[in-house]
C-alpha atoms as a PDB file:
ATOM      1  CA  UNK A   1      21.402  13.925  32.194  1.00  0.00           C
ATOM      2  CA  UNK A   2      20.065  17.146  33.693  1.00  0.00           C
ATOM      3  CA  UNK A   3      17.195  17.286  31.195  1.00  0.00           C
ATOM      4  CA  UNK A   4      16.179  13.761  32.200  1.00  0.00           C
ATOM      5  CA  UNK A   5      16.107  14.816  35.856  1.00  0.00           C
ATOM      6  CA  UNK A   6      14.041  17.905  34.969  1.00  0.00           C
ATOM      7  CA  UNK A   7      11.606  15.806  32.912  1.00  0.00           C
ATOM      8  CA  UNK A   8      11.277  13.263  35.733  1.00  0.00           C
ATOM      9  CA  UNK A   9      10.516  16.094  38.156  1.00  0.00           C
ATOM     10  CA  UNK A  10       7.872  17.562  35.847  1.00  0.00           C
ATOM     11  CA  UNK A  11       6.177  14.230  35.174  1.00  0.00           C
ATOM     12  CA  UNK A  12       6.646  12.848  38.663  1.00  0.00           C
ATOM     13  CA  UNK A  13       7.831   9.465  37.421  1.00  0.00           C
ATOM     14  CA  UNK A  14      11.353   8.093  37.155  1.00  0.00           C
ATOM     15  CA  UNK A  15      12.440   7.133  33.654  1.00  0.00           C
ATOM     16  CA  UNK A  16      12.980   3.392  33.274  1.00  0.00           C
ATOM     17  CA  UNK A  17      16.386   2.100  32.276  1.00  0.00           C
ATOM     18  CA  UNK A  18      16.421   0.628  28.764  1.00  0.00           C
ATOM     19  CA  UNK A  19      18.347  -2.374  30.100  1.00  0.00           C
ATOM     20  CA  UNK A  20      15.750  -3.109  32.788  1.00  0.00           C
ATOM     21  CA  UNK A  21      14.294  -6.641  32.272  1.00  0.00           C
ATOM     22  CA  UNK A  22      10.750  -5.266  32.517  1.00  0.00           C
ATOM     23  CA  UNK A  23      11.475  -2.786  29.720  1.00  0.00           C
ATOM     24  CA  UNK A  24      13.177  -5.437  27.595  1.00  0.00           C
ATOM     25  CA  UNK A  25      10.104  -7.668  27.977  1.00  0.00           C
ATOM     26  CA  UNK A  26       7.998  -4.906  26.383  1.00  0.00           C
ATOM     27  CA  UNK A  27       9.963  -5.103  23.134  1.00  0.00           C
ATOM     28  CA  UNK A  28       8.090  -6.898  20.415  1.00  0.00           C
ATOM     29  CA  UNK A  29       9.890  -9.527  18.359  1.00  0.00           C
ATOM     30  CA  UNK A  30      11.141  -8.386  14.986  1.00  0.00           C
ATOM     31  CA  UNK A  31       8.774  -9.410  12.242  1.00  0.00           C
ATOM     32  CA  UNK A  32      10.282 -11.077   9.208  1.00  0.00           C
ATOM     33  CA  UNK A  33       8.226 -11.026   6.043  1.00  0.00           C
ATOM     34  CA  UNK A  34       8.312 -13.808   3.504  1.00  0.00           C
ATOM     35  CA  UNK A  35       8.126 -12.570  -0.068  1.00  0.00           C
ATOM     36  CA  UNK A  36       6.259 -15.074  -2.174  1.00  0.00           C
ATOM     37  CA  UNK A  37       7.858 -16.332  -5.362  1.00  0.00           C
ATOM     38  CA  UNK A  38       6.870 -18.780  -8.076  1.00  0.00           C
ATOM     39  CA  UNK A  39       7.656 -21.741  -5.801  1.00  0.00           C
ATOM     40  CA  UNK A  40       4.894 -20.598  -3.442  1.00  0.00           C
ATOM     41  CA  UNK A  41       2.188 -20.596  -6.095  1.00  0.00           C
ATOM     42  CA  UNK A  42      -0.542 -23.142  -5.827  1.00  0.00           C
ATOM     43  CA  UNK A  43      -3.411 -23.999  -8.136  1.00  0.00           C
ATOM     44  CA  UNK A  44      -5.566 -21.144  -6.785  1.00  0.00           C
ATOM     45  CA  UNK A  45      -2.997 -18.455  -7.545  1.00  0.00           C
ATOM     46  CA  UNK A  46      -2.323 -19.908 -11.002  1.00  0.00           C
ATOM     47  CA  UNK A  47      -6.060 -19.941 -11.720  1.00  0.00           C
ATOM     48  CA  UNK A  48      -6.337 -16.323 -10.558  1.00  0.00           C
ATOM     49  CA  UNK A  49      -3.552 -15.298 -12.937  1.00  0.00           C
ATOM     50  CA  UNK A  50      -5.306 -17.130 -15.784  1.00  0.00           C
ATOM     51  CA  UNK A  51      -8.573 -15.356 -14.933  1.00  0.00           C
ATOM     52  CA  UNK A  52      -6.823 -11.983 -14.990  1.00  0.00           C
ATOM     53  CA  UNK A  53      -5.298 -12.754 -18.402  1.00  0.00           C
ATOM     54  CA  UNK A  54      -8.715 -13.793 -19.725  1.00  0.00           C
ATOM     55  CA  UNK A  55     -10.311 -10.574 -18.434  1.00  0.00           C
ATOM     56  CA  UNK A  56      -7.494  -8.505 -19.952  1.00  0.00           C
ATOM     57  CA  UNK A  57      -8.065 -10.086 -23.365  1.00  0.00           C
ATOM     58  CA  UNK A  58     -11.846  -9.648 -23.196  1.00  0.00           C
ATOM     59  CA  UNK A  59     -11.724  -6.048 -21.961  1.00  0.00           C
ATOM     60  CA  UNK A  60      -8.588  -5.123 -23.920  1.00  0.00           C
ATOM     61  CA  UNK A  61      -7.169  -3.550 -20.773  1.00  0.00           C
ATOM     62  CA  UNK A  62      -4.030  -4.368 -18.803  1.00  0.00           C
ATOM     63  CA  UNK A  63      -4.375  -5.024 -15.059  1.00  0.00           C
ATOM     64  CA  UNK A  64      -1.310  -4.946 -12.825  1.00  0.00           C
ATOM     65  CA  UNK A  65      -0.908  -7.181  -9.790  1.00  0.00           C
ATOM     66  CA  UNK A  66       1.681  -4.891  -8.172  1.00  0.00           C
ATOM     67  CA  UNK A  67       4.247  -2.176  -8.926  1.00  0.00           C
ATOM     68  CA  UNK A  68       6.835  -4.715 -10.046  1.00  0.00           C
ATOM     69  CA  UNK A  69       4.399  -6.162 -12.562  1.00  0.00           C
ATOM     70  CA  UNK A  70       3.785  -2.659 -13.971  1.00  0.00           C
ATOM     71  CA  UNK A  71       7.539  -1.912 -14.182  1.00  0.00           C
ATOM     72  CA  UNK A  72       8.278  -5.165 -15.989  1.00  0.00           C
ATOM     73  CA  UNK A  73       5.426  -4.526 -18.426  1.00  0.00           C
ATOM     74  CA  UNK A  74       6.627  -0.989 -19.192  1.00  0.00           C
ATOM     75  CA  UNK A  75      10.224  -2.188 -19.656  1.00  0.00           C
ATOM     76  CA  UNK A  76       9.082  -4.909 -22.039  1.00  0.00           C
ATOM     77  CA  UNK A  77       7.034  -2.402 -24.056  1.00  0.00           C
ATOM     78  CA  UNK A  78      10.022  -0.035 -24.278  1.00  0.00           C
ATOM     79  CA  UNK A  79      12.316  -2.903 -25.294  1.00  0.00           C
ATOM     80  CA  UNK A  80       9.852  -3.915 -28.024  1.00  0.00           C
ATOM     81  CA  UNK A  81       9.338  -7.374 -26.563  1.00  0.00           C
ATOM     82  CA  UNK A  82       5.554  -6.865 -26.332  1.00  0.00           C
ATOM     83  CA  UNK A  83       3.071  -4.369 -27.730  1.00  0.00           C
ATOM     84  CA  UNK A  84       0.773  -2.253 -25.628  1.00  0.00           C
END
């Protein structure tokens, strides 16, 4: 408590109480993120996936959408389910 008093004296401003309604009003609401799954796909996302597959076949190169996609691909290669 003494260090708070010393800091308030140095700064010249009293530290606000965390339970003060004005301080509580400054808190931002917690953001919740929705992770998309196959139920959220629409025709545009399906078409994009088809386009990626077509480009991969033409260029003979694998493109990864995200880290999970890369992990699944590498696991399938190791398991012998698909070839590189």
